[in-house]
Every structure is written in structure tokens, then in C-alpha cells.
PDB file of N, CA and C in Angstrom:
ATOM      1  N   MET A   1       0.847  -1.179   0.000  1.00  0.00           N
ATOM      2  CA  MET A   1       0.000   0.000   0.000  1.00  0.00           C
ATOM      3  C   MET A   1       0.896   1.247   0.000  1.00  0.00           C
ATOM      4  N   THR A   2       0.522   2.246  -0.801  1.00  0.00           N
ATOM      5  CA  THR A   2       1.320   3.462  -0.863  1.00  0.00           C
ATOM      6  C   THR A   2       0.903   4.420   0.236  1.00  0.00           C
ATOM      7  N   ALA A   3       1.863   5.225   0.665  1.00  0.00           N
ATOM      8  CA  ALA A   3       1.595   6.217   1.710  1.00  0.00           C
ATOM      9  C   ALA A   3       0.644   7.280   1.174  1.00  0.00           C
ATOM     10  N   PRO A   4      -0.189   7.858   2.044  1.00  0.00           N
ATOM     11  CA  PRO A   4      -1.144   8.879   1.589  1.00  0.00           C
ATOM     12  C   PRO A   4      -0.481  10.057   0.867  1.00  0.00           C
ATOM     13  N   VAL A   5       0.682  10.481   1.342  1.00  0.00           N
ATOM     14  CA  VAL A   5       1.364  11.622   0.719  1.00  0.00           C
ATOM     15  C   VAL A   5       1.787  11.271  -0.700  1.00  0.00           C
ATOM     16  N   GLU A   6       2.320  10.075  -0.898  1.00  0.00           N
ATOM     17  CA  GLU A   6       2.738   9.651  -2.232  1.00  0.00           C
ATOM     18  C   GLU A   6       1.540   9.586  -3.174  1.00  0.00           C
ATOM     19  N   ARG A   7       0.445   9.053  -2.693  1.00  0.00           N
ATOM     20  CA  ARG A   7      -0.763   8.943  -3.512  1.00  0.00           C
ATOM     21  C   ARG A   7      -1.280  10.335  -3.886  1.00  0.00           C
ATOM     22  N   TYR A   8      -1.303  11.243  -2.920  1.00  0.00           N
ATOM     23  CA  TYR A   8      -1.761  12.614  -3.161  1.00  0.00           C
ATOM     24  C   TYR A   8      -0.863  13.287  -4.195  1.00  0.00           C
ATOM     25  N   THR A   9       0.437  13.158  -4.025  1.00  0.00           N
ATOM     26  CA  THR A   9       1.383  13.795  -4.934  1.00  0.00           C
ATOM     27  C   THR A   9       1.230  13.245  -6.342  1.00  0.00           C
ATOM     28  N   ARG A  10       1.024  11.955  -6.471  1.00  0.00           N
ATOM     29  CA  ARG A  10       0.887  11.332  -7.783  1.00  0.00           C
ATOM     30  C   ARG A  10      -0.391  11.775  -8.488  1.00  0.00           C
ATOM     31  N   ILE A  11      -1.467  11.964  -7.730  1.00  0.00           N
ATOM     32  CA  ILE A  11      -2.765  12.298  -8.308  1.00  0.00           C
ATOM     33  C   ILE A  11      -2.907  13.804  -8.547  1.00  0.00           C
ATOM     34  N   MET A  12      -2.424  14.613  -7.624  1.00  0.00           N
ATOM     35  CA  MET A  12      -2.638  16.057  -7.656  1.00  0.00           C
ATOM     36  C   MET A  12      -1.780  16.722  -8.734  1.00  0.00           C
ATOM     37  N   LYS A  13      -2.423  17.507  -9.586  1.00  0.00           N
ATOM     38  CA  LYS A  13      -1.680  18.289 -10.567  1.00  0.00           C
ATOM     39  C   LYS A  13      -1.199  19.555  -9.888  1.00  0.00           C
ATOM     40  N   SER A  14      -0.067  20.043 -10.319  1.00  0.00           N
ATOM     41  CA  SER A  14       0.423  21.282  -9.726  1.00  0.00           C
ATOM     42  C   SER A  14      -0.380  22.457 -10.258  1.00  0.00           C
ATOM     43  N   VAL A  15      -0.467  23.481  -9.468  1.00  0.00           N
ATOM     44  CA  VAL A  15      -1.172  24.694  -9.871  1.00  0.00           C
ATOM     45  C   VAL A  15      -0.495  25.277 -11.118  1.00  0.00           C
ATOM     46  N   ALA A  16       0.825  25.251 -11.140  1.00  0.00           N
ATOM     47  CA  ALA A  16       1.556  25.784 -12.289  1.00  0.00           C
ATOM     48  C   ALA A  16       1.209  25.021 -13.562  1.00  0.00           C
ATOM     49  N   SER A  17       1.075  23.718 -13.488  1.00  0.00           N
ATOM     50  CA  SER A  17       0.724  22.919 -14.659  1.00  0.00           C
ATOM     51  C   SER A  17      -0.651  23.284 -15.194  1.00  0.00           C
ATOM     52  N   VAL A  18      -1.589  23.472 -14.294  1.00  0.00           N
ATOM     53  CA  VAL A  18      -2.947  23.832 -14.703  1.00  0.00           C
ATOM     54  C   VAL A  18      -2.950  25.215 -15.358  1.00  0.00           C
ATOM     55  N   LEU A  19      -2.270  26.181 -14.733  1.00  0.00           N
ATOM     56  CA  LEU A  19      -2.214  27.535 -15.293  1.00  0.00           C
ATOM     57  C   LEU A  19      -1.501  27.546 -16.645  1.00  0.00           C
ATOM     58  N   ARG A  20      -0.431  26.767 -16.754  1.00  0.00           N
ATOM     59  CA  ARG A  20       0.315  26.687 -18.018  1.00  0.00           C
ATOM     60  C   ARG A  20      -0.575  26.130 -19.126  1.00  0.00           C
ATOM     61  N   ALA A  21      -1.332  25.106 -18.840  1.00  0.00           N
ATOM     62  CA  ALA A  21      -2.216  24.508 -19.833  1.00  0.00           C
ATOM     63  C   ALA A  21      -3.301  25.494 -20.263  1.00  0.00           C
ATOM     64  N   ARG A  22      -3.859  26.240 -19.298  1.00  0.00           N
ATOM     65  CA  ARG A  22      -4.867  27.252 -19.640  1.00  0.00           C
ATOM     66  C   ARG A  22      -4.271  28.337 -20.529  1.00  0.00           C
ATOM     67  N   THR A  23      -3.089  28.809 -20.167  1.00  0.00           N
ATOM     68  CA  THR A  23      -2.435  29.868 -20.941  1.00  0.00           C
ATOM     69  C   THR A  23      -2.164  29.398 -22.365  1.00  0.00           C
ATOM     70  N   HIS A  24      -1.654  28.184 -22.514  1.00  0.00           N
ATOM     71  CA  HIS A  24      -1.384  27.645 -23.852  1.00  0.00           C
ATOM     72  C   HIS A  24      -2.672  27.526 -24.662  1.00  0.00           C
ATOM     73  N   ALA A  25      -3.732  27.104 -24.024  1.00  0.00           N
ATOM     74  CA  ALA A  25      -5.019  26.976 -24.727  1.00  0.00           C
ATOM     75  C   ALA A  25      -5.518  28.345 -25.181  1.00  0.00           C
ATOM     76  N   GLU A  26      -5.386  29.342 -24.312  1.00  0.00           N
ATOM     77  CA  GLU A  26      -5.817  30.698 -24.675  1.00  0.00           C
ATOM     78  C   GLU A  26      -5.004  31.231 -25.855  1.00  0.00           C
ATOM     79  N   ILE A  27      -3.714  30.999 -25.843  1.00  0.00           N
ATOM     80  CA  ILE A  27      -2.848  31.488 -26.918  1.00  0.00           C
ATOM     81  C   ILE A  27      -3.164  30.784 -28.227  1.00  0.00           C
ATOM     82  N   ARG A  28      -3.442  29.491 -28.171  1.00  0.00           N
ATOM     83  CA  ARG A  28      -3.789  28.755 -29.398  1.00  0.00           C
ATOM     84  C   ARG A  28      -5.064  29.284 -30.047  1.00  0.00           C
ATOM     85  N   ARG A  29      -5.975  29.835 -29.244  1.00  0.00           N
ATOM     86  CA  ARG A  29      -7.225  30.377 -29.787  1.00  0.00           C
ATOM     87  C   ARG A  29      -7.032  31.772 -30.393  1.00  0.00           C
ATOM     88  N   MET A  30      -5.894  32.403 -30.160  1.00  0.00           N
ATOM     89  CA  MET A  30      -5.650  33.760 -30.672  1.00  0.00           C
ATOM     90  C   MET A  30      -5.258  33.735 -32.143  1.00  0.00           C
ATOM     91  N   SER A  31      -5.580  34.809 -32.822  1.00  0.00           N
ATOM     92  CA  SER A  31      -5.124  34.974 -34.206  1.00  0.00           C
ATOM     93  C   SER A  31      -3.650  35.383 -34.167  1.00  0.00           C
ATOM     94  N   PRO A  32      -2.936  35.245 -35.283  1.00  0.00           N
ATOM     95  CA  PRO A  32      -1.544  35.688 -35.306  1.00  0.00           C
ATOM     96  C   PRO A  32      -1.390  37.162 -34.898  1.00  0.00           C
ATOM     97  N   ALA A  33      -2.294  38.014 -35.344  1.00  0.00           N
ATOM     98  CA  ALA A  33      -2.217  39.437 -34.989  1.00  0.00           C
ATOM     99  C   ALA A  33      -2.382  39.633 -33.482  1.00  0.00           C
ATOM    100  N   GLU A  34      -3.272  38.871 -32.875  1.00  0.00           N
ATOM    101  CA  GLU A  34      -3.472  38.965 -31.421  1.00  0.00           C
ATOM    102  C   GLU A  34      -2.238  38.472 -30.667  1.00  0.00           C
ATOM    103  N   ARG A  35      -1.591  37.452 -31.198  1.00  0.00           N
ATOM    104  CA  ARG A  35      -0.371  36.950 -30.561  1.00  0.00           C
ATOM    105  C   ARG A  35       0.741  37.985 -30.610  1.00  0.00           C
ATOM    106  N   VAL A  36       0.875  38.665 -31.737  1.00  0.00           N
ATOM    107  CA  VAL A  36       1.897  39.709 -31.864  1.00  0.00           C
ATOM    108  C   VAL A  36       1.586  40.847 -30.892  1.00  0.00           C
ATOM    109  N   GLU A  37       0.317  41.225 -30.827  1.00  0.00           N
ATOM    110  CA  GLU A  37      -0.101  42.273 -29.889  1.00  0.00           C
ATOM    111  C   GLU A  37       0.227  41.873 -28.450  1.00  0.00           C
ATOM    112  N   LEU A  38      -0.036  40.628 -28.099  1.00  0.00           N
ATOM    113  CA  LEU A  38       0.283  40.122 -26.763  1.00  0.00           C
ATOM    114  C   LEU A  38       1.784  40.199 -26.502  1.00  0.00           C
ATOM    115  N   ALA A  39       2.583  39.796 -27.476  1.00  0.00           N
ATOM    116  CA  ALA A  39       4.036  39.832 -27.313  1.00  0.00           C
ATOM    117  C   ALA A  39       4.525  41.251 -27.059  1.00  0.00           C
ATOM    118  N   PHE A  40       4.012  42.215 -27.821  1.00  0.00           N
ATOM    119  CA  PHE A  40       4.406  43.611 -27.615  1.00  0.00           C
ATOM    120  C   PHE A  40       3.958  44.119 -26.250  1.00  0.00           C
ATOM    121  N   ARG A  41       2.747  43.756 -25.843  1.00  0.00           N
ATOM    122  CA  ARG A  41       2.244  44.192 -24.542  1.00  0.00           C
ATOM    123  C   ARG A  41       3.088  43.616 -23.406  1.00  0.00           C
ATOM    124  N   LEU A  42       3.434  42.334 -23.507  1.00  0.00           N
ATOM    125  CA  LEU A  42       4.275  41.714 -22.479  1.00  0.00           C
ATOM    126  C   LEU A  42       5.654  42.354 -22.439  1.00  0.00           C
ATOM    127  N   GLY A  43       6.188  42.692 -23.615  1.00  0.00           N
ATOM    128  CA  GLY A  43       7.481  43.378 -23.667  1.00  0.00           C
ATOM    129  C   GLY A  43       7.422  44.741 -22.996  1.00  0.00           C
ATOM    130  N   ASP A  44       6.355  45.487 -23.278  1.00  0.00           N
ATOM    131  CA  ASP A  44       6.177  46.798 -22.646  1.00  0.00           C
ATOM    132  C   ASP A  44       6.038  46.670 -21.133  1.00  0.00           C
ATOM    133  N   GLU A  45       5.312  45.649 -20.682  1.00  0.00           N
ATOM    134  CA  GLU A  45       5.160  45.425 -19.243  1.00  0.00           C
ATOM    135  C   GLU A  45       6.501  45.077 -18.595  1.00  0.00           C
ATOM    136  N   ALA A  46       7.316  44.294 -19.286  1.00  0.00           N
ATOM    137  CA  ALA A  46       8.626  43.922 -18.746  1.00  0.00           C
ATOM    138  C   ALA A  46       9.531  45.148 -18.645  1.00  0.00           C
ATOM    139  N   ILE A  47       9.509  45.990 -19.663  1.00  0.00           N
ATOM    140  CA  ILE A  47      10.314  47.212 -19.633  1.00  0.00           C
ATOM    141  C   ILE A  47       9.848  48.111 -18.492  1.00  0.00           C
ATOM    142  N   GLU A  48       8.549  48.260 -18.333  1.00  0.00           N
ATOM    143  CA  GLU A  48       8.008  49.100 -17.260  1.00  0.00           C
ATOM    144  C   GLU A  48       8.404  48.561 -15.891  1.00  0.00           C
ATOM    145  N   SER A  49       8.344  47.256 -15.722  1.00  0.00           N
ATOM    146  CA  SER A  49       8.731  46.641 -14.454  1.00  0.00           C
ATOM    147  C   SER A  49      10.206  46.885 -14.165  1.00  0.00           C
ATOM    148  N   PHE A  50      11.065  46.679 -15.166  1.00  0.00           N
ATOM    149  CA  PHE A  50      12.500  46.912 -15.012  1.00  0.00           C
ATOM    150  C   PHE A  50      12.756  48.376 -14.688  1.00  0.00           C
ATOM    151  N   ARG A  51      12.068  49.275 -15.407  1.00  0.00           N
ATOM    152  CA  ARG A  51      12.234  50.706 -15.216  1.00  0.00           C
ATOM    153  C   ARG A  51      11.865  51.104 -13.785  1.00  0.00           C
ATOM    154  N   ALA A  52      10.718  50.643 -13.322  1.00  0.00           N
ATOM    155  CA  ALA A  52      10.245  50.998 -11.985  1.00  0.00           C
ATOM    156  C   ALA A  52      11.145  50.415 -10.896  1.00  0.00           C
ATOM    157  N   THR A  53      11.592  49.184 -11.091  1.00  0.00           N
ATOM    158  CA  THR A  53      12.443  48.526 -10.106  1.00  0.00           C
ATOM    159  C   THR A  53      13.759  49.262  -9.923  1.00  0.00           C
ATOM    160  N   HIS A  54      14.317  49.766 -11.018  1.00  0.00           N
ATOM    161  CA  HIS A  54      15.632  50.399 -10.974  1.00  0.00           C
ATOM    162  C   HIS A  54      15.575  51.924 -10.950  1.00  0.00           C
ATOM    163  N   GLY A  55      14.380  52.497 -10.923  1.00  0.00           N
ATOM    164  CA  GLY A  55      14.238  53.946 -10.854  1.00  0.00           C
ATOM    165  C   GLY A  55      14.774  54.670 -12.078  1.00  0.00           C
ATOM    166  N   LEU A  56      14.488  54.129 -13.265  1.00  0.00           N
ATOM    167  CA  LEU A  56      15.008  54.682 -14.509  1.00  0.00           C
ATOM    168  C   LEU A  56      13.888  55.260 -15.358  1.00  0.00           C
ATOM    169  N   ASP A  57      14.265  56.104 -16.309  1.00  0.00           N
ATOM    170  CA  ASP A  57      13.282  56.518 -17.308  1.00  0.00           C
ATOM    171  C   ASP A  57      13.219  55.421 -18.368  1.00  0.00           C
ATOM    172  N   ARG A  58      12.185  55.441 -19.193  1.00  0.00           N
ATOM    173  CA  ARG A  58      11.952  54.371 -20.166  1.00  0.00           C
ATOM    174  C   ARG A  58      13.116  54.218 -21.148  1.00  0.00           C
ATOM    175  N   ARG A  59      13.616  55.317 -21.676  1.00  0.00           N
ATOM    176  CA  ARG A  59      14.705  55.268 -22.669  1.00  0.00           C
ATOM    177  C   ARG A  59      15.963  54.612 -22.075  1.00  0.00           C
ATOM    178  N   THR A  60      16.315  54.989 -20.843  1.00  0.00           N
ATOM    179  CA  THR A  60      17.492  54.412 -20.191  1.00  0.00           C
ATOM    180  C   THR A  60      17.285  52.925 -19.918  1.00  0.00           C
ATOM    181  N   ALA A  61      16.088  52.556 -19.483  1.00  0.00           N
ATOM    182  CA  ALA A  61      15.800  51.144 -19.211  1.00  0.00           C
ATOM    183  C   ALA A  61      15.951  50.311 -20.479  1.00  0.00           C
ATOM    184  N   ILE A  62      15.422  50.805 -21.591  1.00  0.00           N
ATOM    185  CA  ILE A  62      15.534  50.081 -22.859  1.00  0.00           C
ATOM    186  C   ILE A  62      16.997  49.953 -23.266  1.00  0.00           C
ATOM    187  N   ARG A  63      17.755  51.035 -23.129  1.00  0.00           N
ATOM    188  CA  ARG A  63      19.172  51.003 -23.506  1.00  0.00           C
ATOM    189  C   ARG A  63      19.942  49.982 -22.662  1.00  0.00           C
ATOM    190  N   LEU A  64      19.685  49.957 -21.345  1.00  0.00           N
ATOM    191  CA  LEU A  64      20.373  48.992 -20.475  1.00  0.00           C
ATOM    192  C   LEU A  64      19.998  47.553 -20.815  1.00  0.00           C
ATOM    193  N   LEU A  65      18.713  47.314 -21.092  1.00  0.00           N
ATOM    194  CA  LEU A  65      18.291  45.960 -21.463  1.00  0.00           C
ATOM    195  C   LEU A  65      18.932  45.526 -22.784  1.00  0.00           C
ATOM    196  N   GLU A  66      19.025  46.437 -23.746  1.00  0.00           N
ATOM    197  CA  GLU A  66      19.671  46.108 -25.022  1.00  0.00           C
ATOM    198  C   GLU A  66      21.148  45.805 -24.817  1.00  0.00           C
ATOM    199  N   ARG A  67      21.822  46.573 -23.970  1.00  0.00           N
ATOM    200  CA  ARG A  67      23.245  46.304 -23.686  1.00  0.00           C
ATOM    201  C   ARG A  67      23.422  44.938 -23.041  1.00  0.00           C
ATOM    202  N   ARG A  68      22.558  44.610 -22.089  1.00  0.00           N
ATOM    203  CA  ARG A  68      22.647  43.295 -21.438  1.00  0.00           C
ATOM    204  C   ARG A  68      22.451  42.172 -22.452  1.00  0.00           C
ATOM    205  N   ARG A  69      21.497  42.365 -23.345  1.00  0.00           N
ATOM    206  CA  ARG A  69      21.239  41.329 -24.350  1.00  0.00           C
ATOM    207  C   ARG A  69      22.451  41.161 -25.266  1.00  0.00           C
ATOM    208  N   GLN A  70      23.050  42.266 -25.684  1.00  0.00           N
ATOM    209  CA  GLN A  70      24.226  42.194 -26.552  1.00  0.00           C
ATOM    210  C   GLN A  70      25.421  41.580 -25.820  1.00  0.00           C
ATOM    211  N   ALA A  71      25.567  41.888 -24.541  1.00  0.00           N
ATOM    212  CA  ALA A  71      26.706  41.387 -23.770  1.00  0.00           C
ATOM    213  C   ALA A  71      26.672  39.871 -23.612  1.00  0.00           C
ATOM    214  N   THR A  72      25.491  39.279 -23.664  1.00  0.00           N
ATOM    215  CA  THR A  72      25.384  37.831 -23.467  1.00  0.00           C
ATOM    216  C   THR A  72      25.404  37.049 -24.782  1.00  0.00           C
ATOM    217  N   ARG A  73      25.493  37.761 -25.896  1.00  0.00           N
ATOM    218  CA  ARG A  73      25.517  37.059 -27.188  1.00  0.00           C
ATOM    219  C   ARG A  73      26.891  36.484 -27.459  1.00  0.00           C
ATOM    220  N   ARG A  74      26.927  35.384 -28.152  1.00  0.00           N
ATOM    221  CA  ARG A  74      28.179  34.764 -28.539  1.00  0.00           C
ATOM    222  C   ARG A  74      28.756  35.554 -29.722  1.00  0.00           C
ATOM    223  N   PRO A  75      30.057  35.871 -29.669  1.00  0.00           N
ATOM    224  CA  PRO A  75      30.655  36.612 -30.781  1.00  0.00           C
ATOM    225  C   PRO A  75      30.563  35.820 -32.086  1.00  0.00           C
ATOM    226  N   SER A  76      30.373  36.522 -33.179  1.00  0.00           N
ATOM    227  CA  SER A  76      30.246  35.897 -34.484  1.00  0.00           C
ATOM    228  C   SER A  76      31.518  36.151 -35.299  1.00  0.00           C
ATOM    229  N   ALA A  77      32.215  35.093 -35.652  1.00  0.00           N
ATOM    230  CA  ALA A  77      33.425  35.238 -36.462  1.00  0.00           C
ATOM    231  C   ALA A  77      33.086  35.826 -37.815  1.00  0.00           C
ATOM    232  N   CYS A  78      31.949  35.472 -38.370  1.00  0.00           N
ATOM    233  CA  CYS A  78      31.518  36.002 -39.659  1.00  0.00           C
ATOM    234  C   CYS A  78      31.348  37.511 -39.588  1.00  0.00           C
ATOM    235  N   LEU A  79      30.638  37.988 -38.563  1.00  0.00           N
ATOM    236  CA  LEU A  79      30.432  39.422 -38.428  1.00  0.00           C
ATOM    237  C   LEU A  79      31.738  40.155 -38.132  1.00  0.00           C
ATOM    238  N   ASP A  80      32.636  39.528 -37.393  1.00  0.00           N
ATOM    239  CA  ASP A  80      33.940  40.156 -37.154  1.00  0.00           C
ATOM    240  C   ASP A  80      34.678  40.384 -38.456  1.00  0.00           C
ATOM    241  N   ARG A  81      34.580  39.425 -39.389  1.00  0.00           N
ATOM    242  CA  ARG A  81      35.264  39.576 -40.678  1.00  0.00           C
ATOM    243  C   ARG A  81      34.582  40.655 -41.522  1.00  0.00           C
ATOM    244  N   VAL A  82      33.254  40.723 -41.471  1.00  0.00           N
ATOM    245  CA  VAL A  82      32.516  41.688 -42.286  1.00  0.00           C
ATOM    246  C   VAL A  82      32.654  43.111 -41.710  1.00  0.00           C
ATOM    247  N   ILE A  83      32.463  43.248 -40.420  1.00  0.00           N
ATOM    248  CA  ILE A  83      32.469  44.565 -39.790  1.00  0.00           C
ATOM    249  C   ILE A  83      33.877  45.014 -39.428  1.00  0.00           C
ATOM    250  N   GLY A  84      34.694  44.078 -39.043  1.00  0.00           N
ATOM    251  CA  GLY A  84      36.076  44.441 -38.709  1.00  0.00           C
ATOM    252  C   GLY A  84      36.386  44.396 -37.306  1.00  0.00           C
TER     253      GLY A  84
END
């Protein structure tokens, strides 16, 4: 016989799994234009959150996020040859 905790854990879905499945279902029902709109809105929300957290204006927050993204990219030998 299995312990009650093991049985509960095996049967119970996580809250995150349920929310993830709902979110995926909602996105699948969206048109491509709605998905693009959602992506832009989420991006704007992320920038606003970063801006507010760090006490920055929007332009500075965007510039810092772009620098961070560039800093983590792997250097391209092809681009080094083309750009110099």
C-alpha cells in the first residue's frame, strides 16, 4: 500500500501545470495578430517593471536591457570579418 502523501502527490496536478495549460489553450485560440499584440504588450510590461524597479526613465531602461542582451551574445566570427 502506498503512503497517503505519495498517492496525493501522484494524483494532484500542480497549480503551475494547470495555469500553463490554460495559458497555452488561450494562446492557441488567438489569431496571429493577437499573438503579436500580446508579445508587444508583455514586452512593454517587462520594460516598465525593469524601469520601476531600478528607478530609470523608459529610454534608459531600454538602452540597459539592449546592452545586457548584446553582452550575453556569442561573438560571431563572420560578423567580425565583415564589420572588422
